[in-house]
Amino acid sequence: MQIHFQVEGDPKGKGRPRFGRFGKFTRVYTDKRTLDYETLIKSFAAEAMGSTDPLETPVSVFLYIRHAVPQSYSKKRTEACLSGLEKPCKKPDIDNIAKTYLDGMNGVIFKDDTQVIDLHVKKVYSAVAGVNVMVMEAE
């Protein structure tokens, strides 16, 4: 089984854990920006899954991260970015983006992200920003 979906817009990485004091207790929580983005991922993942239950088998995940070329770049530099000569060595970090997507698909595509045994992530420049996702049952 293969599941495909894409999320358009600038990819966002997982935010750092936040700490808040509530009386005598310290609470760790995820920031609102990260939660909102994970909710967006969940909605696209749920649409891709339809009425199918989350997978319970080991899975392989493929993430193709597309960063938009900054508008401030010259035409020559933009062409270099789009042709693959210049790579997107910029924030957010590739591992933080992957973590956001794995957490966003948790409970929707697969029961838990511990089922992910194979992860392929690539970051490129593109005319349109977004992330293409493919999840398939591992062999």
N, C-alpha and C. Protein backbone atom coordinates (compact mmCIF):
# COMPACT_ATOMS: atom_id res chain seq x y z
N MET A 1 0.83 -1.18 0.00
CA MET A 1 0.00 0.00 0.00
C MET A 1 0.88 1.25 0.00
N GLN A 2 0.51 2.23 -0.81
CA GLN A 2 1.23 3.51 -0.88
C GLN A 2 0.26 4.65 -0.62
N ILE A 3 0.70 5.62 0.15
CA ILE A 3 -0.10 6.81 0.42
C ILE A 3 0.70 8.01 -0.06
N HIS A 4 0.05 8.86 -0.86
CA HIS A 4 0.70 10.07 -1.38
C HIS A 4 -0.12 11.29 -0.98
N PHE A 5 0.56 12.36 -0.58
CA PHE A 5 -0.11 13.65 -0.41
C PHE A 5 0.96 14.73 -0.43
N GLN A 6 0.52 15.97 -0.58
CA GLN A 6 1.46 17.08 -0.54
C GLN A 6 0.87 18.22 0.25
N VAL A 7 1.77 18.98 0.88
CA VAL A 7 1.38 20.16 1.65
C VAL A 7 2.07 21.34 0.99
N GLU A 8 1.28 22.26 0.45
CA GLU A 8 1.84 23.43 -0.21
C GLU A 8 2.20 24.49 0.83
N GLY A 9 3.16 25.34 0.49
CA GLY A 9 3.59 26.42 1.38
C GLY A 9 4.97 26.14 1.94
N ASP A 10 5.52 27.13 2.60
CA ASP A 10 6.87 27.01 3.16
C ASP A 10 6.93 25.90 4.19
N PRO A 11 7.87 24.96 4.03
CA PRO A 11 8.03 23.89 5.02
C PRO A 11 8.47 24.47 6.37
N LYS A 12 7.94 23.91 7.44
CA LYS A 12 8.28 24.38 8.77
C LYS A 12 8.88 23.23 9.58
N GLY A 13 9.89 23.55 10.35
CA GLY A 13 10.53 22.56 11.19
C GLY A 13 9.88 22.50 12.56
N LYS A 14 10.19 21.44 13.27
CA LYS A 14 9.67 21.25 14.63
C LYS A 14 10.30 22.29 15.54
N GLY A 15 9.46 23.02 16.27
CA GLY A 15 9.95 24.01 17.22
C GLY A 15 10.54 23.35 18.45
N ARG A 16 11.37 24.08 19.14
CA ARG A 16 11.97 23.57 20.38
C ARG A 16 10.89 23.44 21.45
N PRO A 17 11.05 22.48 22.34
CA PRO A 17 10.07 22.35 23.43
C PRO A 17 10.08 23.62 24.29
N ARG A 18 8.91 24.01 24.74
CA ARG A 18 8.77 25.19 25.59
C ARG A 18 8.47 24.73 27.02
N PHE A 19 8.88 25.55 27.98
CA PHE A 19 8.66 25.22 29.37
C PHE A 19 7.87 26.34 30.02
N GLY A 20 6.86 25.98 30.77
CA GLY A 20 6.04 26.97 31.48
C GLY A 20 5.85 26.55 32.92
N ARG A 21 5.86 27.54 33.82
CA ARG A 21 5.64 27.23 35.23
C ARG A 21 4.17 27.44 35.56
N PHE A 22 3.59 26.44 36.17
CA PHE A 22 2.21 26.49 36.61
C PHE A 22 2.19 26.14 38.09
N GLY A 23 2.21 27.16 38.92
CA GLY A 23 2.30 26.93 40.37
C GLY A 23 3.65 26.33 40.70
N LYS A 24 3.63 25.19 41.33
CA LYS A 24 4.87 24.50 41.72
C LYS A 24 5.40 23.59 40.62
N PHE A 25 4.65 23.49 39.52
CA PHE A 25 4.99 22.52 38.49
C PHE A 25 5.53 23.20 37.23
N THR A 26 6.41 22.49 36.54
CA THR A 26 6.91 22.94 35.25
C THR A 26 6.29 22.04 34.19
N ARG A 27 5.73 22.66 33.16
CA ARG A 27 5.09 21.89 32.09
C ARG A 27 5.87 22.10 30.80
N VAL A 28 6.06 21.02 30.07
CA VAL A 28 6.72 21.09 28.76
C VAL A 28 5.63 21.03 27.70
N TYR A 29 5.70 21.93 26.71
CA TYR A 29 4.68 21.95 25.67
C TYR A 29 5.29 22.34 24.33
N THR A 30 4.54 22.07 23.26
CA THR A 30 4.94 22.42 21.90
C THR A 30 4.32 23.76 21.54
N ASP A 31 5.09 24.62 20.89
CA ASP A 31 4.60 25.95 20.55
C ASP A 31 3.44 25.89 19.55
N LYS A 32 2.64 26.95 19.53
CA LYS A 32 1.41 27.01 18.71
C LYS A 32 1.72 26.89 17.22
N ARG A 33 2.78 27.51 16.73
CA ARG A 33 3.13 27.47 15.30
C ARG A 33 3.37 26.04 14.85
N THR A 34 4.09 25.27 15.65
CA THR A 34 4.36 23.87 15.33
C THR A 34 3.07 23.04 15.39
N LEU A 35 2.25 23.26 16.42
CA LEU A 35 0.99 22.53 16.54
C LEU A 35 0.06 22.81 15.36
N ASP A 36 0.00 24.07 14.94
CA ASP A 36 -0.85 24.43 13.79
C ASP A 36 -0.37 23.74 12.52
N TYR A 37 0.95 23.69 12.31
CA TYR A 37 1.49 23.06 11.11
C TYR A 37 1.26 21.55 11.14
N GLU A 38 1.43 20.93 12.31
CA GLU A 38 1.18 19.50 12.44
C GLU A 38 -0.30 19.19 12.19
N THR A 39 -1.18 20.06 12.61
CA THR A 39 -2.62 19.90 12.36
C THR A 39 -2.91 19.96 10.86
N LEU A 40 -2.23 20.87 10.16
CA LEU A 40 -2.38 20.96 8.70
C LEU A 40 -1.92 19.67 8.03
N ILE A 41 -0.78 19.14 8.47
CA ILE A 41 -0.26 17.88 7.93
C ILE A 41 -1.27 16.75 8.19
N LYS A 42 -1.80 16.70 9.41
CA LYS A 42 -2.79 15.67 9.76
C LYS A 42 -4.00 15.72 8.84
N SER A 43 -4.46 16.93 8.50
CA SER A 43 -5.65 17.05 7.65
C SER A 43 -5.39 16.51 6.25
N PHE A 44 -4.22 16.82 5.67
CA PHE A 44 -3.88 16.29 4.34
C PHE A 44 -3.65 14.78 4.41
N ALA A 45 -3.04 14.30 5.49
CA ALA A 45 -2.80 12.87 5.65
C ALA A 45 -4.13 12.13 5.79
N ALA A 46 -5.06 12.68 6.55
CA ALA A 46 -6.37 12.05 6.74
C ALA A 46 -7.13 11.99 5.42
N GLU A 47 -7.02 13.05 4.62
CA GLU A 47 -7.68 13.06 3.31
C GLU A 47 -7.09 11.97 2.41
N ALA A 48 -5.76 11.80 2.47
CA ALA A 48 -5.10 10.77 1.65
C ALA A 48 -5.48 9.36 2.11
N MET A 49 -5.68 9.19 3.40
CA MET A 49 -6.02 7.86 3.94
C MET A 49 -7.49 7.51 3.69
N GLY A 50 -8.35 8.50 3.62
CA GLY A 50 -9.77 8.23 3.45
C GLY A 50 -10.31 7.49 4.67
N SER A 51 -11.03 6.41 4.44
CA SER A 51 -11.62 5.66 5.56
C SER A 51 -10.72 4.51 6.03
N THR A 52 -9.51 4.43 5.48
CA THR A 52 -8.58 3.37 5.85
C THR A 52 -8.02 3.61 7.25
N ASP A 53 -7.89 2.56 8.02
CA ASP A 53 -7.29 2.66 9.35
C ASP A 53 -5.79 2.89 9.24
N PRO A 54 -5.18 3.48 10.27
CA PRO A 54 -3.72 3.67 10.25
C PRO A 54 -2.99 2.33 10.08
N LEU A 55 -1.89 2.37 9.35
CA LEU A 55 -1.08 1.17 9.12
C LEU A 55 -0.47 0.67 10.43
N GLU A 56 -0.36 -0.63 10.55
CA GLU A 56 0.24 -1.23 11.75
C GLU A 56 1.54 -1.96 11.42
N THR A 57 1.93 -1.93 10.15
CA THR A 57 3.14 -2.61 9.70
C THR A 57 4.31 -1.62 9.65
N PRO A 58 5.54 -2.12 9.51
CA PRO A 58 6.67 -1.21 9.30
C PRO A 58 6.48 -0.42 8.01
N VAL A 59 6.91 0.85 8.00
CA VAL A 59 6.71 1.70 6.83
C VAL A 59 8.00 2.41 6.43
N SER A 60 8.04 2.78 5.15
CA SER A 60 9.09 3.64 4.61
C SER A 60 8.45 4.99 4.30
N VAL A 61 9.14 6.06 4.64
CA VAL A 61 8.62 7.41 4.42
C VAL A 61 9.59 8.16 3.51
N PHE A 62 9.03 8.82 2.50
CA PHE A 62 9.79 9.63 1.55
C PHE A 62 9.27 11.07 1.63
N LEU A 63 10.15 12.02 1.92
CA LEU A 63 9.79 13.43 1.98
C LEU A 63 10.62 14.19 0.95
N TYR A 64 9.94 14.91 0.07
CA TYR A 64 10.60 15.73 -0.94
C TYR A 64 10.26 17.18 -0.60
N ILE A 65 11.20 17.86 0.02
CA ILE A 65 10.99 19.21 0.54
C ILE A 65 11.38 20.23 -0.52
N ARG A 66 10.40 21.07 -0.90
CA ARG A 66 10.62 22.08 -1.93
C ARG A 66 10.62 23.47 -1.31
N HIS A 67 11.77 24.13 -1.35
CA HIS A 67 11.89 25.51 -0.88
C HIS A 67 11.73 26.45 -2.06
N ALA A 68 10.99 27.53 -1.87
CA ALA A 68 10.86 28.54 -2.91
C ALA A 68 12.17 29.32 -3.00
N VAL A 69 12.52 29.71 -4.21
CA VAL A 69 13.72 30.53 -4.42
C VAL A 69 13.39 31.93 -3.92
N PRO A 70 14.23 32.52 -3.06
CA PRO A 70 13.96 33.87 -2.56
C PRO A 70 13.82 34.87 -3.70
N GLN A 71 12.86 35.78 -3.58
CA GLN A 71 12.61 36.78 -4.63
C GLN A 71 13.78 37.74 -4.80
N SER A 72 14.60 37.87 -3.76
CA SER A 72 15.74 38.79 -3.83
C SER A 72 16.88 38.26 -4.70
N TYR A 73 16.84 36.99 -5.08
CA TYR A 73 17.89 36.41 -5.90
C TYR A 73 17.81 36.97 -7.32
N SER A 74 18.99 37.12 -7.94
CA SER A 74 19.05 37.57 -9.33
C SER A 74 18.52 36.46 -10.25
N LYS A 75 18.26 36.81 -11.50
CA LYS A 75 17.78 35.80 -12.46
C LYS A 75 18.78 34.68 -12.62
N LYS A 76 20.05 35.04 -12.66
CA LYS A 76 21.11 34.04 -12.84
C LYS A 76 21.14 33.08 -11.64
N ARG A 77 21.06 33.66 -10.45
CA ARG A 77 21.11 32.82 -9.25
C ARG A 77 19.83 31.97 -9.14
N THR A 78 18.68 32.54 -9.52
CA THR A 78 17.42 31.78 -9.51
C THR A 78 17.52 30.59 -10.45
N GLU A 79 18.06 30.80 -11.64
CA GLU A 79 18.24 29.70 -12.60
C GLU A 79 19.16 28.63 -12.03
N ALA A 80 20.22 29.06 -11.32
CA ALA A 80 21.13 28.10 -10.70
C ALA A 80 20.41 27.27 -9.64
N CYS A 81 19.54 27.92 -8.88
CA CYS A 81 18.77 27.22 -7.84
C CYS A 81 17.82 26.20 -8.47
N LEU A 82 17.09 26.63 -9.48
CA LEU A 82 16.09 25.76 -10.09
C LEU A 82 16.72 24.62 -10.89
N SER A 83 17.94 24.81 -11.37
CA SER A 83 18.60 23.74 -12.12
C SER A 83 19.36 22.77 -11.21
N GLY A 84 19.42 23.11 -9.91
CA GLY A 84 20.07 22.21 -8.96
C GLY A 84 21.53 22.52 -8.72
N LEU A 85 22.05 23.57 -9.33
CA LEU A 85 23.45 23.93 -9.10
C LEU A 85 23.66 24.52 -7.71
N GLU A 86 22.68 25.26 -7.22
CA GLU A 86 22.74 25.82 -5.87
C GLU A 86 21.75 25.06 -5.00
N LYS A 87 22.21 24.63 -3.85
CA LYS A 87 21.39 23.81 -2.94
C LYS A 87 20.82 24.67 -1.82
N PRO A 88 19.66 24.29 -1.29
CA PRO A 88 19.02 25.06 -0.22
C PRO A 88 19.61 24.76 1.17
N CYS A 89 20.81 25.24 1.42
CA CYS A 89 21.45 25.06 2.73
C CYS A 89 20.99 26.19 3.65
N LYS A 90 19.73 26.09 4.05
CA LYS A 90 19.13 27.15 4.86
C LYS A 90 18.15 26.52 5.84
N LYS A 91 17.72 27.33 6.78
CA LYS A 91 16.74 26.86 7.77
C LYS A 91 15.38 26.75 7.11
N PRO A 92 14.52 25.90 7.58
CA PRO A 92 14.69 25.02 8.73
C PRO A 92 15.52 23.79 8.38
N ASP A 93 16.11 23.22 9.41
CA ASP A 93 16.94 22.02 9.24
C ASP A 93 16.10 20.86 8.72
N ILE A 94 16.73 20.03 7.91
CA ILE A 94 16.04 18.90 7.28
C ILE A 94 15.47 17.93 8.32
N ASP A 95 16.20 17.71 9.41
CA ASP A 95 15.72 16.77 10.43
C ASP A 95 14.54 17.33 11.21
N ASN A 96 14.49 18.64 11.39
CA ASN A 96 13.34 19.24 12.09
C ASN A 96 12.08 19.19 11.23
N ILE A 97 12.23 19.34 9.92
CA ILE A 97 11.08 19.22 9.02
C ILE A 97 10.58 17.77 9.04
N ALA A 98 11.51 16.82 8.96
CA ALA A 98 11.13 15.40 8.98
C ALA A 98 10.39 15.07 10.28
N LYS A 99 10.87 15.57 11.40
CA LYS A 99 10.23 15.30 12.69
C LYS A 99 8.81 15.86 12.72
N THR A 100 8.61 17.06 12.17
CA THR A 100 7.28 17.64 12.12
C THR A 100 6.33 16.76 11.32
N TYR A 101 6.80 16.26 10.17
CA TYR A 101 5.94 15.42 9.33
C TYR A 101 5.65 14.08 9.97
N LEU A 102 6.65 13.47 10.60
CA LEU A 102 6.41 12.18 11.26
C LEU A 102 5.41 12.35 12.39
N ASP A 103 5.55 13.41 13.18
CA ASP A 103 4.61 13.66 14.27
C ASP A 103 3.22 13.99 13.73
N GLY A 104 3.16 14.70 12.61
CA GLY A 104 1.88 15.05 12.00
C GLY A 104 1.13 13.85 11.45
N MET A 105 1.87 12.83 11.00
CA MET A 105 1.23 11.63 10.44
C MET A 105 0.91 10.58 11.50
N ASN A 106 1.44 10.78 12.71
CA ASN A 106 1.22 9.86 13.82
C ASN A 106 -0.26 9.68 14.10
N GLY A 107 -0.72 8.45 14.14
CA GLY A 107 -2.12 8.17 14.43
C GLY A 107 -3.05 8.31 13.25
N VAL A 108 -2.53 8.79 12.12
CA VAL A 108 -3.36 8.96 10.92
C VAL A 108 -2.90 8.01 9.82
N ILE A 109 -1.64 8.12 9.42
CA ILE A 109 -1.07 7.24 8.38
C ILE A 109 -0.60 5.93 9.04
N PHE A 110 0.09 6.06 10.15
CA PHE A 110 0.56 4.89 10.91
C PHE A 110 0.22 5.12 12.37
N LYS A 111 0.15 4.02 13.12
CA LYS A 111 -0.24 4.13 14.54
C LYS A 111 0.77 4.93 15.34
N ASP A 112 2.06 4.69 15.08
CA ASP A 112 3.11 5.40 15.82
C ASP A 112 4.34 5.53 14.93
N ASP A 113 5.10 6.62 15.11
CA ASP A 113 6.26 6.82 14.24
C ASP A 113 7.41 5.86 14.55
N THR A 114 7.26 5.01 15.55
CA THR A 114 8.27 3.96 15.76
C THR A 114 8.22 2.92 14.64
N GLN A 115 7.11 2.90 13.87
CA GLN A 115 6.97 1.96 12.75
C GLN A 115 7.82 2.36 11.55
N VAL A 116 8.32 3.59 11.54
CA VAL A 116 9.13 4.06 10.41
C VAL A 116 10.50 3.41 10.50
N ILE A 117 10.80 2.55 9.52
CA ILE A 117 12.10 1.86 9.53
C ILE A 117 13.02 2.39 8.44
N ASP A 118 12.48 3.22 7.56
CA ASP A 118 13.24 3.72 6.42
C ASP A 118 12.75 5.14 6.15
N LEU A 119 13.67 6.11 6.16
CA LEU A 119 13.29 7.51 5.97
C LEU A 119 14.21 8.13 4.92
N HIS A 120 13.59 8.64 3.85
CA HIS A 120 14.33 9.29 2.76
C HIS A 120 13.86 10.74 2.69
N VAL A 121 14.79 11.67 2.86
CA VAL A 121 14.43 13.09 2.87
C VAL A 121 15.36 13.83 1.92
N LYS A 122 14.77 14.68 1.07
CA LYS A 122 15.56 15.48 0.14
C LYS A 122 15.02 16.90 0.15
N LYS A 123 15.93 17.87 0.13
CA LYS A 123 15.58 19.28 0.16
C LYS A 123 16.09 19.92 -1.12
N VAL A 124 15.20 20.58 -1.87
CA VAL A 124 15.57 21.20 -3.15
C VAL A 124 14.92 22.58 -3.26
N TYR A 125 15.43 23.38 -4.20
CA TYR A 125 14.75 24.62 -4.56
C TYR A 125 13.71 24.30 -5.63
N SER A 126 12.62 25.04 -5.60
CA SER A 126 11.54 24.85 -6.55
C SER A 126 10.84 26.17 -6.79
N ALA A 127 10.08 26.24 -7.89
CA ALA A 127 9.30 27.45 -8.16
C ALA A 127 8.16 27.58 -7.15
N VAL A 128 7.67 26.45 -6.64
CA VAL A 128 6.55 26.44 -5.67
C VAL A 128 6.99 25.69 -4.42
N ALA A 129 6.86 26.33 -3.27
CA ALA A 129 7.26 25.71 -2.00
C ALA A 129 6.23 24.67 -1.56
N GLY A 130 6.71 23.64 -0.86
CA GLY A 130 5.82 22.62 -0.34
C GLY A 130 6.59 21.35 -0.02
N VAL A 131 5.85 20.35 0.40
CA VAL A 131 6.46 19.05 0.71
C VAL A 131 5.60 17.95 0.09
N ASN A 132 6.23 17.08 -0.68
CA ASN A 132 5.57 15.89 -1.23
C ASN A 132 5.90 14.73 -0.30
N VAL A 133 4.87 13.96 0.06
CA VAL A 133 5.02 12.87 1.00
C VAL A 133 4.55 11.57 0.36
N MET A 134 5.33 10.53 0.54
CA MET A 134 4.90 9.19 0.16
C MET A 134 5.23 8.25 1.31
N VAL A 135 4.24 7.47 1.71
CA VAL A 135 4.45 6.46 2.77
C VAL A 135 4.04 5.13 2.16
N MET A 136 4.89 4.12 2.34
CA MET A 136 4.55 2.80 1.82
C MET A 136 4.94 1.73 2.84
N GLU A 137 4.19 0.64 2.80
CA GLU A 137 4.50 -0.46 3.69
C GLU A 137 5.87 -1.02 3.29
N ALA A 138 6.72 -1.23 4.30
CA ALA A 138 8.07 -1.73 4.04
C ALA A 138 8.02 -3.22 3.73
N GLU A 139 8.97 -3.65 2.94
CA GLU A 139 9.05 -5.06 2.56
C GLU A 139 10.01 -5.80 3.45
